[in-house]
């Protein structure tokens, strides 16, 4: 099980604001046109660099999942933010989420995020060497659930092509040049 201090999520919240509206929970019939994209904006100061993955409709705020590279106090990590019905929970609540794919099932600590724009969900801070990154790059579908809540499904087709570059760039964010 992955455990992280809540204070490390402050960068996630800032990243969500920087990245714009994150997480549009759409019914399956409305998910047409959604793709995985890698966004890379390298700045001289690594704290101003944005490295992020998103699954959504390009050039809209219809995003179901995202990951952003973050620099924490003692680590560089990827936040994984997933659309989820958290209407009965409060912003910042700590929850547990089970992430599942063929041959993989793991519980992670997560935090409820409710940005002012966009829809709500959960965010998990993950080490760059966490097995989930490889699972996401090698499977076609991922499922996730907060215990007692609905199971959500996330298509992963098209992610493998950009996942490796995202993890590589994130692991060396301090050395990147535009």
C-alpha atoms as a PDB file:
ATOM      1  CA  UNK A   1       0.000   0.000   0.000  1.00  0.00           C
ATOM      2  CA  UNK A   2       1.273   3.452  -0.853  1.00  0.00           C
ATOM      3  CA  UNK A   3       1.152   6.078   1.920  1.00  0.00           C
ATOM      4  CA  UNK A   4       1.986   9.788   1.502  1.00  0.00           C
ATOM      5  CA  UNK A   5       1.682  12.861   3.725  1.00  0.00           C
ATOM      6  CA  UNK A   6      -1.267  15.123   2.838  1.00  0.00           C
ATOM      7  CA  UNK A   7       1.008  18.185   2.578  1.00  0.00           C
ATOM      8  CA  UNK A   8       2.572  16.718  -0.563  1.00  0.00           C
ATOM      9  CA  UNK A   9      -0.707  17.205  -2.349  1.00  0.00           C
ATOM     10  CA  UNK A  10      -0.405  21.008  -2.306  1.00  0.00           C
ATOM     11  CA  UNK A  11       1.662  20.830  -5.490  1.00  0.00           C
ATOM     12  CA  UNK A  12      -1.025  18.646  -7.022  1.00  0.00           C
ATOM     13  CA  UNK A  13      -3.628  21.324  -6.344  1.00  0.00           C
ATOM     14  CA  UNK A  14      -1.379  23.995  -7.846  1.00  0.00           C
ATOM     15  CA  UNK A  15      -0.749  21.784 -10.851  1.00  0.00           C
ATOM     16  CA  UNK A  16      -4.448  21.276 -11.373  1.00  0.00           C
ATOM     17  CA  UNK A  17      -4.921  25.018 -11.504  1.00  0.00           C
ATOM     18  CA  UNK A  18      -1.997  25.376 -13.918  1.00  0.00           C
ATOM     19  CA  UNK A  19      -3.208  22.596 -16.158  1.00  0.00           C
ATOM     20  CA  UNK A  20      -6.706  24.018 -16.283  1.00  0.00           C
ATOM     21  CA  UNK A  21      -9.872  22.117 -15.711  1.00  0.00           C
ATOM     22  CA  UNK A  22      -9.157  18.510 -14.995  1.00  0.00           C
ATOM     23  CA  UNK A  23     -11.548  15.626 -14.833  1.00  0.00           C
ATOM     24  CA  UNK A  24     -14.796  15.590 -16.727  1.00  0.00           C
ATOM     25  CA  UNK A  25     -16.707  12.496 -15.747  1.00  0.00           C
ATOM     26  CA  UNK A  26     -18.573  11.572 -18.898  1.00  0.00           C
ATOM     27  CA  UNK A  27     -20.905   8.677 -19.589  1.00  0.00           C
ATOM     28  CA  UNK A  28     -19.417   6.010 -21.847  1.00  0.00           C
ATOM     29  CA  UNK A  29     -21.472   7.188 -24.802  1.00  0.00           C
ATOM     30  CA  UNK A  30     -19.967  10.689 -24.554  1.00  0.00           C
ATOM     31  CA  UNK A  31     -16.353   9.545 -24.430  1.00  0.00           C
ATOM     32  CA  UNK A  32     -15.873   9.544 -28.193  1.00  0.00           C
ATOM     33  CA  UNK A  33     -12.866  11.541 -29.298  1.00  0.00           C
ATOM     34  CA  UNK A  34     -10.943  11.057 -26.053  1.00  0.00           C
ATOM     35  CA  UNK A  35      -7.231  10.381 -26.457  1.00  0.00           C
ATOM     36  CA  UNK A  36      -4.086  10.233 -24.344  1.00  0.00           C
ATOM     37  CA  UNK A  37      -1.761  13.213 -24.814  1.00  0.00           C
ATOM     38  CA  UNK A  38       1.598  14.231 -23.332  1.00  0.00           C
ATOM     39  CA  UNK A  39       2.091  17.944 -22.671  1.00  0.00           C
ATOM     40  CA  UNK A  40       5.654  19.150 -22.068  1.00  0.00           C
ATOM     41  CA  UNK A  41       6.469  22.799 -21.260  1.00  0.00           C
ATOM     42  CA  UNK A  42      10.070  23.062 -20.060  1.00  0.00           C
ATOM     43  CA  UNK A  43      11.186  26.232 -18.285  1.00  0.00           C
ATOM     44  CA  UNK A  44      14.584  27.303 -16.934  1.00  0.00           C
ATOM     45  CA  UNK A  45      13.328  26.859 -13.368  1.00  0.00           C
ATOM     46  CA  UNK A  46      12.228  23.199 -12.916  1.00  0.00           C
ATOM     47  CA  UNK A  47       9.451  24.338 -10.549  1.00  0.00           C
ATOM     48  CA  UNK A  48       7.902  26.187 -13.507  1.00  0.00           C
ATOM     49  CA  UNK A  49       8.161  23.187 -15.844  1.00  0.00           C
ATOM     50  CA  UNK A  50       4.936  21.370 -16.660  1.00  0.00           C
ATOM     51  CA  UNK A  51       4.994  17.702 -17.652  1.00  0.00           C
ATOM     52  CA  UNK A  52       1.587  16.092 -17.851  1.00  0.00           C
ATOM     53  CA  UNK A  53      -0.465  13.315 -19.351  1.00  0.00           C
ATOM     54  CA  UNK A  54      -4.164  13.669 -19.983  1.00  0.00           C
ATOM     55  CA  UNK A  55      -6.975  11.487 -21.245  1.00  0.00           C
ATOM     56  CA  UNK A  56      -9.709  13.597 -22.738  1.00  0.00           C
ATOM     57  CA  UNK A  57     -11.035  15.433 -25.744  1.00  0.00           C
ATOM     58  CA  UNK A  58      -8.159  17.565 -27.110  1.00  0.00           C
ATOM     59  CA  UNK A  59      -8.413  21.332 -26.606  1.00  0.00           C
ATOM     60  CA  UNK A  60     -11.391  21.034 -24.239  1.00  0.00           C
ATOM     61  CA  UNK A  61     -11.788  20.672 -20.507  1.00  0.00           C
ATOM     62  CA  UNK A  62     -13.400  17.246 -21.037  1.00  0.00           C
ATOM     63  CA  UNK A  63     -10.632  15.306 -19.251  1.00  0.00           C
ATOM     64  CA  UNK A  64     -11.259  12.011 -17.422  1.00  0.00           C
ATOM     65  CA  UNK A  65      -7.744  11.373 -16.115  1.00  0.00           C
ATOM     66  CA  UNK A  66      -4.434  13.163 -15.833  1.00  0.00           C
ATOM     67  CA  UNK A  67      -0.993  12.812 -14.392  1.00  0.00           C
ATOM     68  CA  UNK A  68       1.396  15.601 -13.585  1.00  0.00           C
ATOM     69  CA  UNK A  69       5.061  15.477 -12.651  1.00  0.00           C
ATOM     70  CA  UNK A  70       5.627  17.180  -9.296  1.00  0.00           C
ATOM     71  CA  UNK A  71       8.671  18.175  -7.290  1.00  0.00           C
ATOM     72  CA  UNK A  72       8.074  17.474  -3.599  1.00  0.00           C
ATOM     73  CA  UNK A  73      10.187  18.250  -0.570  1.00  0.00           C
ATOM     74  CA  UNK A  74      12.270  15.084  -0.878  1.00  0.00           C
ATOM     75  CA  UNK A  75      11.077  13.414  -4.052  1.00  0.00           C
ATOM     76  CA  UNK A  76       9.884  13.799  -7.621  1.00  0.00           C
ATOM     77  CA  UNK A  77       6.583  12.033  -8.183  1.00  0.00           C
ATOM     78  CA  UNK A  78       3.629  11.730 -10.501  1.00  0.00           C
ATOM     79  CA  UNK A  79       0.164  12.641  -9.366  1.00  0.00           C
ATOM     80  CA  UNK A  80      -2.561  10.518 -10.919  1.00  0.00           C
ATOM     81  CA  UNK A  81      -5.932  12.244 -10.888  1.00  0.00           C
ATOM     82  CA  UNK A  82      -9.032  10.267 -11.818  1.00  0.00           C
ATOM     83  CA  UNK A  83     -12.603  11.426 -12.373  1.00  0.00           C
ATOM     84  CA  UNK A  84     -14.850  10.014  -9.660  1.00  0.00           C
ATOM     85  CA  UNK A  85     -18.134  10.838  -7.926  1.00  0.00           C
ATOM     86  CA  UNK A  86     -16.995  12.460  -4.684  1.00  0.00           C
ATOM     87  CA  UNK A  87     -20.145  14.541  -4.173  1.00  0.00           C
ATOM     88  CA  UNK A  88     -20.615  13.076  -0.668  1.00  0.00           C
ATOM     89  CA  UNK A  89     -17.018  13.855   0.343  1.00  0.00           C
ATOM     90  CA  UNK A  90     -15.176  17.070   1.160  1.00  0.00           C
ATOM     91  CA  UNK A  91     -12.258  18.642  -0.712  1.00  0.00           C
ATOM     92  CA  UNK A  92      -9.062  17.321   0.837  1.00  0.00           C
ATOM     93  CA  UNK A  93     -10.632  14.237   2.426  1.00  0.00           C
ATOM     94  CA  UNK A  94      -8.301  11.265   2.483  1.00  0.00           C
ATOM     95  CA  UNK A  95      -9.738   8.146   0.877  1.00  0.00           C
ATOM     96  CA  UNK A  96      -8.422   4.827  -0.280  1.00  0.00           C
ATOM     97  CA  UNK A  97      -8.718   3.804  -3.931  1.00  0.00           C
ATOM     98  CA  UNK A  98      -8.288   0.357  -5.404  1.00  0.00           C
ATOM     99  CA  UNK A  99      -6.711   0.413  -8.848  1.00  0.00           C
ATOM    100  CA  UNK A 100      -7.159  -2.757 -10.893  1.00  0.00           C
ATOM    101  CA  UNK A 101      -5.989  -4.100 -14.245  1.00  0.00           C
ATOM    102  CA  UNK A 102      -5.423  -7.651 -15.502  1.00  0.00           C
ATOM    103  CA  UNK A 103      -2.727  -9.093 -13.218  1.00  0.00           C
ATOM    104  CA  UNK A 104      -2.669  -6.006 -10.964  1.00  0.00           C
ATOM    105  CA  UNK A 105      -4.653  -4.853  -7.934  1.00  0.00           C
ATOM    106  CA  UNK A 106      -3.374  -2.326  -5.407  1.00  0.00           C
ATOM    107  CA  UNK A 107      -4.845   0.005  -2.805  1.00  0.00           C
ATOM    108  CA  UNK A 108      -3.448   3.545  -2.680  1.00  0.00           C
ATOM    109  CA  UNK A 109      -4.079   6.486  -0.405  1.00  0.00           C
ATOM    110  CA  UNK A 110      -5.795   9.269  -2.321  1.00  0.00           C
ATOM    111  CA  UNK A 111      -7.138  12.750  -1.718  1.00  0.00           C
ATOM    112  CA  UNK A 112     -10.471  14.173  -2.852  1.00  0.00           C
ATOM    113  CA  UNK A 113     -10.052  17.049  -5.310  1.00  0.00           C
ATOM    114  CA  UNK A 114     -12.856  19.419  -6.223  1.00  0.00           C
ATOM    115  CA  UNK A 115     -11.438  22.141  -8.484  1.00  0.00           C
ATOM    116  CA  UNK A 116     -13.542  25.256  -8.990  1.00  0.00           C
ATOM    117  CA  UNK A 117     -13.802  24.463 -12.696  1.00  0.00           C
ATOM    118  CA  UNK A 118     -14.292  20.981 -14.068  1.00  0.00           C
ATOM    119  CA  UNK A 119     -15.596  17.967 -12.268  1.00  0.00           C
ATOM    120  CA  UNK A 120     -14.385  16.260  -9.175  1.00  0.00           C
ATOM    121  CA  UNK A 121     -12.337  13.195  -8.438  1.00  0.00           C
ATOM    122  CA  UNK A 122      -9.443  11.662  -6.548  1.00  0.00           C
ATOM    123  CA  UNK A 123      -5.700  12.214  -6.747  1.00  0.00           C
ATOM    124  CA  UNK A 124      -2.922   9.784  -5.842  1.00  0.00           C
ATOM    125  CA  UNK A 125       0.762  10.693  -5.404  1.00  0.00           C
ATOM    126  CA  UNK A 126       2.921   7.911  -6.861  1.00  0.00           C
ATOM    127  CA  UNK A 127       6.645   7.223  -6.943  1.00  0.00           C
ATOM    128  CA  UNK A 128       8.009   7.167 -10.472  1.00  0.00           C
ATOM    129  CA  UNK A 129       9.086   3.553  -9.940  1.00  0.00           C
ATOM    130  CA  UNK A 130       5.607   2.452  -8.791  1.00  0.00           C
ATOM    131  CA  UNK A 131       4.434  -0.569 -10.829  1.00  0.00           C
ATOM    132  CA  UNK A 132       1.235   1.263 -11.829  1.00  0.00           C
ATOM    133  CA  UNK A 133       3.062   3.221 -14.550  1.00  0.00           C
ATOM    134  CA  UNK A 134       4.140   0.000 -16.288  1.00  0.00           C
ATOM    135  CA  UNK A 135       0.673  -1.480 -15.834  1.00  0.00           C
ATOM    136  CA  UNK A 136      -0.905   1.582 -17.423  1.00  0.00           C
ATOM    137  CA  UNK A 137       1.519   1.435 -20.364  1.00  0.00           C
ATOM    138  CA  UNK A 138       0.954  -2.268 -21.012  1.00  0.00           C
ATOM    139  CA  UNK A 139      -2.791  -2.800 -20.496  1.00  0.00           C
ATOM    140  CA  UNK A 140      -5.849  -1.734 -22.486  1.00  0.00           C
ATOM    141  CA  UNK A 141      -8.076  -0.867 -19.522  1.00  0.00           C
ATOM    142  CA  UNK A 142      -7.745   0.117 -15.900  1.00  0.00           C
ATOM    143  CA  UNK A 143     -10.529   0.091 -13.294  1.00  0.00           C
ATOM    144  CA  UNK A 144     -10.659   1.949 -10.010  1.00  0.00           C
ATOM    145  CA  UNK A 145     -12.972   2.207  -7.048  1.00  0.00           C
ATOM    146  CA  UNK A 146     -13.202   3.921  -3.701  1.00  0.00           C
ATOM    147  CA  UNK A 147     -14.439   1.169  -1.342  1.00  0.00           C
ATOM    148  CA  UNK A 148     -18.232   1.244  -1.283  1.00  0.00           C
ATOM    149  CA  UNK A 149     -18.400   3.350  -4.463  1.00  0.00           C
ATOM    150  CA  UNK A 150     -18.916   2.592  -8.117  1.00  0.00           C
ATOM    151  CA  UNK A 151     -16.236   0.919 -10.217  1.00  0.00           C
ATOM    152  CA  UNK A 152     -14.989   3.255 -12.969  1.00  0.00           C
ATOM    153  CA  UNK A 153     -13.132   2.156 -16.105  1.00  0.00           C
ATOM    154  CA  UNK A 154     -10.349   4.064 -17.846  1.00  0.00           C
ATOM    155  CA  UNK A 155      -9.283   3.146 -21.401  1.00  0.00           C
ATOM    156  CA  UNK A 156      -5.500   3.008 -21.790  1.00  0.00           C
ATOM    157  CA  UNK A 157      -5.204   2.569 -25.570  1.00  0.00           C
ATOM    158  CA  UNK A 158      -2.661   5.034 -26.932  1.00  0.00           C
ATOM    159  CA  UNK A 159      -0.970   5.623 -23.578  1.00  0.00           C
ATOM    160  CA  UNK A 160       2.015   3.301 -24.088  1.00  0.00           C
ATOM    161  CA  UNK A 161       3.461   5.562 -26.770  1.00  0.00           C
ATOM    162  CA  UNK A 162       3.782   8.557 -24.447  1.00  0.00           C
ATOM    163  CA  UNK A 163       4.145   6.959 -21.000  1.00  0.00           C
ATOM    164  CA  UNK A 164       7.846   6.127 -21.355  1.00  0.00           C
ATOM    165  CA  UNK A 165       8.785   9.682 -22.365  1.00  0.00           C
ATOM    166  CA  UNK A 166       6.673  11.150 -19.542  1.00  0.00           C
ATOM    167  CA  UNK A 167       8.313   8.988 -16.847  1.00  0.00           C
ATOM    168  CA  UNK A 168      11.805   9.575 -18.306  1.00  0.00           C
ATOM    169  CA  UNK A 169      11.298  13.341 -18.448  1.00  0.00           C
ATOM    170  CA  UNK A 170       9.755  13.456 -14.982  1.00  0.00           C
ATOM    171  CA  UNK A 171      12.643  11.496 -13.460  1.00  0.00           C
ATOM    172  CA  UNK A 172      15.085  14.100 -14.777  1.00  0.00           C
ATOM    173  CA  UNK A 173      12.891  17.217 -14.543  1.00  0.00           C
ATOM    174  CA  UNK A 174      15.740  19.259 -13.053  1.00  0.00           C
ATOM    175  CA  UNK A 175      17.978  18.579 -16.063  1.00  0.00           C
ATOM    176  CA  UNK A 176      15.482  19.150 -18.891  1.00  0.00           C
ATOM    177  CA  UNK A 177      16.103  21.828 -21.486  1.00  0.00           C
ATOM    178  CA  UNK A 178      13.545  23.143 -23.944  1.00  0.00           C
END
